[in-house]
C-alpha atoms as a PDB file:
ATOM      1  CA  UNK A   1      35.066 179.205  35.864  1.00  0.00           C
ATOM      2  CA  UNK A   2      35.867 181.727  32.859  1.00  0.00           C
ATOM      3  CA  UNK A   3      34.800 181.859  29.640  1.00  0.00           C
ATOM      4  CA  UNK A   4      31.798 183.048  27.293  1.00  0.00           C
ATOM      5  CA  UNK A   5      29.190 180.630  27.447  1.00  0.00           C
ATOM      6  CA  UNK A   6      25.473 181.463  26.546  1.00  0.00           C
ATOM      7  CA  UNK A   7      22.568 179.360  27.141  1.00  0.00           C
ATOM      8  CA  UNK A   8      18.897 179.811  26.583  1.00  0.00           C
ATOM      9  CA  UNK A   9      15.402 178.949  25.816  1.00  0.00           C
ATOM     10  CA  UNK A  10      13.181 178.936  22.780  1.00  0.00           C
ATOM     11  CA  UNK A  11       9.738 178.833  22.441  1.00  0.00           C
ATOM     12  CA  UNK A  12       6.641 181.114  21.834  1.00  0.00           C
ATOM     13  CA  UNK A  13       5.385 182.978  23.996  1.00  0.00           C
ATOM     14  CA  UNK A  14       7.847 182.892  26.891  1.00  0.00           C
ATOM     15  CA  UNK A  15       6.228 184.872  29.587  1.00  0.00           C
ATOM     16  CA  UNK A  16       5.579 181.717  31.686  1.00  0.00           C
ATOM     17  CA  UNK A  17       9.090 180.478  31.670  1.00  0.00           C
ATOM     18  CA  UNK A  18      11.198 180.098  34.865  1.00  0.00           C
ATOM     19  CA  UNK A  19      14.387 178.922  33.282  1.00  0.00           C
ATOM     20  CA  UNK A  20      16.080 182.444  32.874  1.00  0.00           C
ATOM     21  CA  UNK A  21      15.927 183.209  36.413  1.00  0.00           C
ATOM     22  CA  UNK A  22      16.664 179.791  37.624  1.00  0.00           C
ATOM     23  CA  UNK A  23      19.996 179.639  35.478  1.00  0.00           C
ATOM     24  CA  UNK A  24      20.933 183.267  36.166  1.00  0.00           C
ATOM     25  CA  UNK A  25      20.602 182.528  39.966  1.00  0.00           C
ATOM     26  CA  UNK A  26      22.307 179.312  39.631  1.00  0.00           C
ATOM     27  CA  UNK A  27      25.326 180.778  37.756  1.00  0.00           C
ATOM     28  CA  UNK A  28      25.767 183.494  40.272  1.00  0.00           C
ATOM     29  CA  UNK A  29      25.509 181.283  43.244  1.00  0.00           C
ATOM     30  CA  UNK A  30      27.961 178.675  41.895  1.00  0.00           C
ATOM     31  CA  UNK A  31      30.640 181.224  40.349  1.00  0.00           C
ATOM     32  CA  UNK A  32      30.285 180.788  36.639  1.00  0.00           C
ATOM     33  CA  UNK A  33      31.755 183.976  35.573  1.00  0.00           C
ATOM     34  CA  UNK A  34      30.963 184.718  31.828  1.00  0.00           C
ATOM     35  CA  UNK A  35      27.972 182.402  31.722  1.00  0.00           C
ATOM     36  CA  UNK A  36      24.613 183.751  30.995  1.00  0.00           C
ATOM     37  CA  UNK A  37      21.024 182.316  30.056  1.00  0.00           C
ATOM     38  CA  UNK A  38      18.542 184.090  27.938  1.00  0.00           C
ATOM     39  CA  UNK A  39      15.144 183.783  26.583  1.00  0.00           C
ATOM     40  CA  UNK A  40      14.825 183.656  22.754  1.00  0.00           C
ATOM     41  CA  UNK A  41      11.081 183.951  21.820  1.00  0.00           C
ATOM     42  CA  UNK A  42      10.996 182.926  18.231  1.00  0.00           C
ATOM     43  CA  UNK A  43       7.818 183.251  16.083  1.00  0.00           C
ATOM     44  CA  UNK A  44       8.490 180.273  14.148  1.00  0.00           C
ATOM     45  CA  UNK A  45      10.997 177.019  14.235  1.00  0.00           C
ATOM     46  CA  UNK A  46      12.583 178.534  11.007  1.00  0.00           C
ATOM     47  CA  UNK A  47      13.919 181.259  12.927  1.00  0.00           C
ATOM     48  CA  UNK A  48      16.319 179.116  14.903  1.00  0.00           C
ATOM     49  CA  UNK A  49      18.876 178.957  12.133  1.00  0.00           C
ATOM     50  CA  UNK A  50      19.324 182.758  12.471  1.00  0.00           C
ATOM     51  CA  UNK A  51      19.340 182.614  16.073  1.00  0.00           C
ATOM     52  CA  UNK A  52      22.424 180.426  15.758  1.00  0.00           C
ATOM     53  CA  UNK A  53      24.172 182.784  13.489  1.00  0.00           C
ATOM     54  CA  UNK A  54      23.354 185.713  15.594  1.00  0.00           C
ATOM     55  CA  UNK A  55      24.429 184.213  18.751  1.00  0.00           C
ATOM     56  CA  UNK A  56      28.037 182.566  18.082  1.00  0.00           C
ATOM     57  CA  UNK A  57      28.325 182.070  22.038  1.00  0.00           C
ATOM     58  CA  UNK A  58      25.200 179.733  22.388  1.00  0.00           C
ATOM     59  CA  UNK A  59      26.411 176.479  23.628  1.00  0.00           C
ATOM     60  CA  UNK A  60      23.001 174.918  24.295  1.00  0.00           C
ATOM     61  CA  UNK A  61      19.423 175.776  24.778  1.00  0.00           C
ATOM     62  CA  UNK A  62      16.193 174.459  26.233  1.00  0.00           C
ATOM     63  CA  UNK A  63      12.925 173.945  23.892  1.00  0.00           C
ATOM     64  CA  UNK A  64       9.374 174.604  25.111  1.00  0.00           C
ATOM     65  CA  UNK A  65       6.163 175.025  23.697  1.00  0.00           C
ATOM     66  CA  UNK A  66       5.448 174.728  20.654  1.00  0.00           C
ATOM     67  CA  UNK A  67       8.829 173.454  19.352  1.00  0.00           C
ATOM     68  CA  UNK A  68       9.360 170.226  21.504  1.00  0.00           C
ATOM     69  CA  UNK A  69       8.456 168.219  18.234  1.00  0.00           C
ATOM     70  CA  UNK A  70       9.120 170.615  15.497  1.00  0.00           C
ATOM     71  CA  UNK A  71      12.886 170.991  16.268  1.00  0.00           C
ATOM     72  CA  UNK A  72      13.660 167.200  15.350  1.00  0.00           C
ATOM     73  CA  UNK A  73      14.254 167.797  11.813  1.00  0.00           C
ATOM     74  CA  UNK A  74      16.816 170.737  12.613  1.00  0.00           C
ATOM     75  CA  UNK A  75      19.003 168.174  14.716  1.00  0.00           C
ATOM     76  CA  UNK A  76      21.890 166.278  13.558  1.00  0.00           C
ATOM     77  CA  UNK A  77      21.230 163.651  16.334  1.00  0.00           C
ATOM     78  CA  UNK A  78      19.047 162.747  19.346  1.00  0.00           C
ATOM     79  CA  UNK A  79      19.904 160.733  22.635  1.00  0.00           C
ATOM     80  CA  UNK A  80      18.053 157.401  23.103  1.00  0.00           C
ATOM     81  CA  UNK A  81      15.631 158.756  25.488  1.00  0.00           C
ATOM     82  CA  UNK A  82      14.557 161.726  23.045  1.00  0.00           C
ATOM     83  CA  UNK A  83      14.345 159.436  20.161  1.00  0.00           C
ATOM     84  CA  UNK A  84      11.815 157.176  22.225  1.00  0.00           C
ATOM     85  CA  UNK A  85       9.773 160.054  23.499  1.00  0.00           C
ATOM     86  CA  UNK A  86       9.774 161.664  20.040  1.00  0.00           C
ATOM     87  CA  UNK A  87      10.077 165.127  21.673  1.00  0.00           C
ATOM     88  CA  UNK A  88      13.125 167.116  22.550  1.00  0.00           C
ATOM     89  CA  UNK A  89      13.471 169.977  25.398  1.00  0.00           C
ATOM     90  CA  UNK A  90      17.234 170.231  25.481  1.00  0.00           C
ATOM     91  CA  UNK A  91      19.810 170.875  22.718  1.00  0.00           C
ATOM     92  CA  UNK A  92      23.536 170.867  22.855  1.00  0.00           C
ATOM     93  CA  UNK A  93      25.174 173.124  20.258  1.00  0.00           C
ATOM     94  CA  UNK A  94      28.491 171.738  18.865  1.00  0.00           C
ATOM     95  CA  UNK A  95      30.600 174.295  16.895  1.00  0.00           C
ATOM     96  CA  UNK A  96      33.592 173.549  14.945  1.00  0.00           C
ATOM     97  CA  UNK A  97      34.628 176.795  13.213  1.00  0.00           C
ATOM     98  CA  UNK A  98      31.838 177.768  10.910  1.00  0.00           C
ATOM     99  CA  UNK A  99      30.053 174.346  11.183  1.00  0.00           C
ATOM    100  CA  UNK A 100      27.212 173.984  13.675  1.00  0.00           C
ATOM    101  CA  UNK A 101      25.597 170.592  14.556  1.00  0.00           C
ATOM    102  CA  UNK A 102      22.831 170.034  17.278  1.00  0.00           C
ATOM    103  CA  UNK A 103      22.125 167.226  19.479  1.00  0.00           C
ATOM    104  CA  UNK A 104      18.911 166.779  21.043  1.00  0.00           C
ATOM    105  CA  UNK A 105      18.041 165.313  24.541  1.00  0.00           C
ATOM    106  CA  UNK A 106      14.844 164.964  26.615  1.00  0.00           C
ATOM    107  CA  UNK A 107      15.122 165.807  30.265  1.00  0.00           C
ATOM    108  CA  UNK A 108      11.444 166.057  31.039  1.00  0.00           C
ATOM    109  CA  UNK A 109      11.294 162.209  30.931  1.00  0.00           C
ATOM    110  CA  UNK A 110      13.707 162.064  33.784  1.00  0.00           C
ATOM    111  CA  UNK A 111      12.342 164.874  35.564  1.00  0.00           C
ATOM    112  CA  UNK A 112       8.746 163.847  35.369  1.00  0.00           C
ATOM    113  CA  UNK A 113       9.651 160.166  36.368  1.00  0.00           C
ATOM    114  CA  UNK A 114      11.710 160.951  39.380  1.00  0.00           C
ATOM    115  CA  UNK A 115       9.299 163.790  40.708  1.00  0.00           C
ATOM    116  CA  UNK A 116       6.393 161.259  40.267  1.00  0.00           C
ATOM    117  CA  UNK A 117       8.214 158.475  42.243  1.00  0.00           C
ATOM    118  CA  UNK A 118       8.970 160.955  45.146  1.00  0.00           C
ATOM    119  CA  UNK A 119       5.603 162.331  45.118  1.00  0.00           C
ATOM    120  CA  UNK A 120       3.981 158.825  45.645  1.00  0.00           C
ATOM    121  CA  UNK A 121       7.053 157.560  48.010  1.00  0.00           C
ATOM    122  CA  UNK A 122       6.609 160.740  50.325  1.00  0.00           C
ATOM    123  CA  UNK A 123       2.997 159.572  50.900  1.00  0.00           C
ATOM    124  CA  UNK A 124       3.650 155.731  51.012  1.00  0.00           C
ATOM    125  CA  UNK A 125       1.464 155.186  48.297  1.00  0.00           C
ATOM    126  CA  UNK A 126       2.242 152.423  45.124  1.00  0.00           C
ATOM    127  CA  UNK A 127       2.598 153.721  41.704  1.00  0.00           C
ATOM    128  CA  UNK A 128      -1.086 153.402  39.801  1.00  0.00           C
ATOM    129  CA  UNK A 129      -1.388 150.828  37.064  1.00  0.00           C
ATOM    130  CA  UNK A 130      -3.174 153.156  34.638  1.00  0.00           C
ATOM    131  CA  UNK A 131      -3.008 156.964  33.898  1.00  0.00           C
ATOM    132  CA  UNK A 132      -4.863 159.563  31.969  1.00  0.00           C
ATOM    133  CA  UNK A 133      -2.640 161.949  30.176  1.00  0.00           C
ATOM    134  CA  UNK A 134      -4.280 165.266  29.183  1.00  0.00           C
ATOM    135  CA  UNK A 135      -3.094 166.420  25.886  1.00  0.00           C
ATOM    136  CA  UNK A 136      -1.120 164.923  23.053  1.00  0.00           C
ATOM    137  CA  UNK A 137       1.618 167.596  22.601  1.00  0.00           C
ATOM    138  CA  UNK A 138       5.375 167.257  23.027  1.00  0.00           C
ATOM    139  CA  UNK A 139       5.130 167.436  26.774  1.00  0.00           C
ATOM    140  CA  UNK A 140       2.699 164.362  26.683  1.00  0.00           C
ATOM    141  CA  UNK A 141       5.294 162.159  24.741  1.00  0.00           C
ATOM    142  CA  UNK A 142       7.787 162.690  27.589  1.00  0.00           C
ATOM    143  CA  UNK A 143       5.278 161.932  30.219  1.00  0.00           C
ATOM    144  CA  UNK A 144       3.972 158.857  28.258  1.00  0.00           C
ATOM    145  CA  UNK A 145       7.764 157.590  27.931  1.00  0.00           C
ATOM    146  CA  UNK A 146       8.130 158.138  31.630  1.00  0.00           C
ATOM    147  CA  UNK A 147       5.027 156.311  32.550  1.00  0.00           C
ATOM    148  CA  UNK A 148       6.119 153.378  30.278  1.00  0.00           C
ATOM    149  CA  UNK A 149       9.257 153.145  32.185  1.00  0.00           C
ATOM    150  CA  UNK A 150       7.612 152.966  35.442  1.00  0.00           C
ATOM    151  CA  UNK A 151       5.302 150.282  34.209  1.00  0.00           C
ATOM    152  CA  UNK A 152       2.083 152.610  33.992  1.00  0.00           C
ATOM    153  CA  UNK A 153      -0.455 152.132  31.180  1.00  0.00           C
ATOM    154  CA  UNK A 154      -1.314 155.303  29.438  1.00  0.00           C
ATOM    155  CA  UNK A 155      -4.344 156.425  27.824  1.00  0.00           C
ATOM    156  CA  UNK A 156      -4.353 159.858  25.996  1.00  0.00           C
ATOM    157  CA  UNK A 157      -7.345 162.474  26.427  1.00  0.00           C
ATOM    158  CA  UNK A 158      -7.795 165.015  23.942  1.00  0.00           C
ATOM    159  CA  UNK A 159     -10.452 167.637  22.459  1.00  0.00           C
ATOM    160  CA  UNK A 160     -10.400 165.868  19.515  1.00  0.00           C
ATOM    161  CA  UNK A 161     -10.474 161.889  18.333  1.00  0.00           C
ATOM    162  CA  UNK A 162      -7.320 160.690  16.923  1.00  0.00           C
ATOM    163  CA  UNK A 163      -5.561 157.294  16.334  1.00  0.00           C
ATOM    164  CA  UNK A 164      -3.699 157.727  19.644  1.00  0.00           C
ATOM    165  CA  UNK A 165      -6.466 159.411  21.495  1.00  0.00           C
ATOM    166  CA  UNK A 166      -8.167 156.953  24.276  1.00  0.00           C
ATOM    167  CA  UNK A 167     -11.125 159.489  24.606  1.00  0.00           C
ATOM    168  CA  UNK A 168     -12.123 163.056  24.195  1.00  0.00           C
ATOM    169  CA  UNK A 169     -12.970 165.078  27.235  1.00  0.00           C
ATOM    170  CA  UNK A 170     -16.653 164.816  26.567  1.00  0.00           C
ATOM    171  CA  UNK A 171     -16.508 160.938  26.405  1.00  0.00           C
ATOM    172  CA  UNK A 172     -14.892 160.631  29.815  1.00  0.00           C
ATOM    173  CA  UNK A 173     -17.200 158.830  32.122  1.00  0.00           C
ATOM    174  CA  UNK A 174     -17.391 157.803  35.733  1.00  0.00           C
ATOM    175  CA  UNK A 175     -16.059 154.353  34.761  1.00  0.00           C
ATOM    176  CA  UNK A 176     -12.884 155.873  33.257  1.00  0.00           C
ATOM    177  CA  UNK A 177     -12.109 158.060  36.129  1.00  0.00           C
ATOM    178  CA  UNK A 178     -12.372 155.103  38.572  1.00  0.00           C
ATOM    179  CA  UNK A 179     -10.039 153.048  36.418  1.00  0.00           C
ATOM    180  CA  UNK A 180      -7.215 155.843  36.329  1.00  0.00           C
ATOM    181  CA  UNK A 181      -6.516 157.022  39.699  1.00  0.00           C
ATOM    182  CA  UNK A 182      -3.409 159.239  38.176  1.00  0.00           C
ATOM    183  CA  UNK A 183      -4.344 162.113  35.887  1.00  0.00           C
ATOM    184  CA  UNK A 184      -1.557 164.141  34.265  1.00  0.00           C
ATOM    185  CA  UNK A 185      -2.148 167.489  32.930  1.00  0.00           C
ATOM    186  CA  UNK A 186       0.408 168.145  29.958  1.00  0.00           C
ATOM    187  CA  UNK A 187      -1.812 170.879  28.191  1.00  0.00           C
ATOM    188  CA  UNK A 188      -1.028 174.674  28.927  1.00  0.00           C
ATOM    189  CA  UNK A 189      -4.658 175.023  30.214  1.00  0.00           C
ATOM    190  CA  UNK A 190      -4.471 177.132  33.256  1.00  0.00           C
ATOM    191  CA  UNK A 191      -1.182 178.703  32.933  1.00  0.00           C
ATOM    192  CA  UNK A 192      -0.388 182.173  33.570  1.00  0.00           C
ATOM    193  CA  UNK A 193      -1.794 184.651  32.385  1.00  0.00           C
ATOM    194  CA  UNK A 194      -4.824 182.374  31.314  1.00  0.00           C
ATOM    195  CA  UNK A 195      -5.355 181.176  34.933  1.00  0.00           C
ATOM    196  CA  UNK A 196      -9.362 180.799  34.609  1.00  0.00           C
ATOM    197  CA  UNK A 197      -8.768 177.870  32.121  1.00  0.00           C
ATOM    198  CA  UNK A 198      -8.951 174.307  33.001  1.00  0.00           C
ATOM    199  CA  UNK A 199      -8.890 171.010  31.324  1.00  0.00           C
ATOM    200  CA  UNK A 200     -12.700 169.846  31.038  1.00  0.00           C
ATOM    201  CA  UNK A 201     -12.716 166.439  32.710  1.00  0.00           C
ATOM    202  CA  UNK A 202     -15.816 165.093  34.719  1.00  0.00           C
ATOM    203  CA  UNK A 203     -14.517 166.549  38.370  1.00  0.00           C
ATOM    204  CA  UNK A 204     -17.572 165.024  39.891  1.00  0.00           C
ATOM    205  CA  UNK A 205     -16.096 161.812  39.643  1.00  0.00           C
ATOM    206  CA  UNK A 206     -12.891 162.436  41.545  1.00  0.00           C
ATOM    207  CA  UNK A 207     -12.239 160.858  44.891  1.00  0.00           C
ATOM    208  CA  UNK A 208      -9.777 160.901  47.809  1.00  0.00           C
ATOM    209  CA  UNK A 209      -8.090 157.848  45.692  1.00  0.00           C
ATOM    210  CA  UNK A 210      -7.230 160.194  42.742  1.00  0.00           C
ATOM    211  CA  UNK A 211      -3.762 162.059  42.113  1.00  0.00           C
ATOM    212  CA  UNK A 212      -3.558 164.968  39.845  1.00  0.00           C
ATOM    213  CA  UNK A 213      -0.282 166.032  38.408  1.00  0.00           C
ATOM    214  CA  UNK A 214      -0.424 169.476  36.617  1.00  0.00           C
ATOM    215  CA  UNK A 215       2.728 170.239  34.532  1.00  0.00           C
ATOM    216  CA  UNK A 216       1.835 173.920  34.791  1.00  0.00           C
ATOM    217  CA  UNK A 217       3.778 175.595  37.606  1.00  0.00           C
ATOM    218  CA  UNK A 218       2.695 179.204  37.097  1.00  0.00           C
ATOM    219  CA  UNK A 219       0.337 179.798  39.046  1.00  0.00           C
ATOM    220  CA  UNK A 220       1.159 177.448  41.992  1.00  0.00           C
ATOM    221  CA  UNK A 221      -2.351 176.233  42.348  1.00  0.00           C
ATOM    222  CA  UNK A 222      -4.138 175.903  39.046  1.00  0.00           C
ATOM    223  CA  UNK A 223      -7.822 175.592  38.455  1.00  0.00           C
ATOM    224  CA  UNK A 224      -7.378 171.823  37.819  1.00  0.00           C
ATOM    225  CA  UNK A 225      -5.519 171.541  41.131  1.00  0.00           C
ATOM    226  CA  UNK A 226      -8.139 173.353  43.122  1.00  0.00           C
ATOM    227  CA  UNK A 227     -10.943 171.707  41.679  1.00  0.00           C
ATOM    228  CA  UNK A 228      -9.479 168.274  42.433  1.00  0.00           C
ATOM    229  CA  UNK A 229      -8.481 169.090  45.961  1.00  0.00           C
ATOM    230  CA  UNK A 230     -12.363 170.149  46.380  1.00  0.00           C
ATOM    231  CA  UNK A 231     -13.356 166.808  45.166  1.00  0.00           C
ATOM    232  CA  UNK A 232     -10.834 165.132  47.663  1.00  0.00           C
ATOM    233  CA  UNK A 233      -8.222 164.424  45.238  1.00  0.00           C
ATOM    234  CA  UNK A 234      -4.377 164.992  45.897  1.00  0.00           C
ATOM    235  CA  UNK A 235      -2.854 167.313  43.634  1.00  0.00           C
ATOM    236  CA  UNK A 236       0.709 168.765  42.635  1.00  0.00           C
ATOM    237  CA  UNK A 237       2.059 171.190  40.234  1.00  0.00           C
ATOM    238  CA  UNK A 238       5.352 170.728  37.788  1.00  0.00           C
ATOM    239  CA  UNK A 239       7.769 172.773  39.965  1.00  0.00           C
ATOM    240  CA  UNK A 240       9.790 169.804  41.202  1.00  0.00           C
ATOM    241  CA  UNK A 241       9.883 168.633  37.564  1.00  0.00           C
ATOM    242  CA  UNK A 242      10.932 171.695  36.362  1.00  0.00           C
ATOM    243  CA  UNK A 243      14.030 171.791  38.912  1.00  0.00           C
ATOM    244  CA  UNK A 244      14.850 168.343  38.111  1.00  0.00           C
ATOM    245  CA  UNK A 245      14.760 168.483  34.391  1.00  0.00           C
ATOM    246  CA  UNK A 246      16.730 171.757  34.517  1.00  0.00           C
ATOM    247  CA  UNK A 247      19.294 170.217  36.440  1.00  0.00           C
ATOM    248  CA  UNK A 248      19.758 167.490  34.176  1.00  0.00           C
ATOM    249  CA  UNK A 249      20.054 169.810  31.157  1.00  0.00           C
ATOM    250  CA  UNK A 250      22.888 171.483  32.879  1.00  0.00           C
ATOM    251  CA  UNK A 251      24.500 168.102  33.593  1.00  0.00           C
ATOM    252  CA  UNK A 252      24.406 167.410  30.073  1.00  0.00           C
ATOM    253  CA  UNK A 253      25.633 170.813  28.890  1.00  0.00           C
ATOM    254  CA  UNK A 254      28.606 170.457  31.645  1.00  0.00           C
ATOM    255  CA  UNK A 255      29.563 166.870  30.325  1.00  0.00           C
ATOM    256  CA  UNK A 256      29.704 168.080  26.880  1.00  0.00           C
ATOM    257  CA  UNK A 257      31.581 171.289  27.471  1.00  0.00           C
ATOM    258  CA  UNK A 258      34.415 169.439  29.435  1.00  0.00           C
ATOM    259  CA  UNK A 259      34.585 166.917  26.564  1.00  0.00           C
ATOM    260  CA  UNK A 260      35.006 169.810  24.028  1.00  0.00           C
ATOM    261  CA  UNK A 261      37.657 171.221  26.261  1.00  0.00           C
ATOM    262  CA  UNK A 262      39.507 168.156  26.347  1.00  0.00           C
ATOM    263  CA  UNK A 263      39.547 167.601  22.567  1.00  0.00           C
END
């Protein structure tokens, strides 16, 4: 498959990202000659305009912290899932001469939803009815959208009180933990290189009936996961979600690329 096709990732910082290695290996393994994937650490979302001009072969990119919400005003359109989630992690770049248009998607919703279903099915356990979601950023919106689709009520936990916040970390009590057997961390706490950090939930109230899903994937076992396991809970990281969302992004880019080739 020949051509000059560049894809990439925007965010800041990008030391934690797995995407460049994942797609580079994928292109080599599947014989995509002329395809490459690069990290583009931009200090502000406003640098995106210059990036698009400087990289004329850029046909699509992923979006990570802190731009999953900030990028929305720069888009010319979004698909239904991204619009519902209110966050974007995948963008298709459509070029028509000097004109550039951007369409946003959210493959995190798909990746999280499917990985969560797989996780519980593998243990022959029914999905819970309620979940605590730690954090209120762009990743939390994708998780909440996925949980809603699975029929799971979502309650947000944050450092500060807010209209959409169920409770702050310091307000969580034993009854809250008992009522929510699924706890999803969408914050970067514990992500490399800050591996000594962890969300300050009351771990003493965790039991063997709890499931901790940490979207952080580097390190493979975060302090949140370790402390949860020490209390008897089951825990997993976000690696499976990452693979699923990346493959979904590639599917979107491929479909659009093939469509452009026919036009």
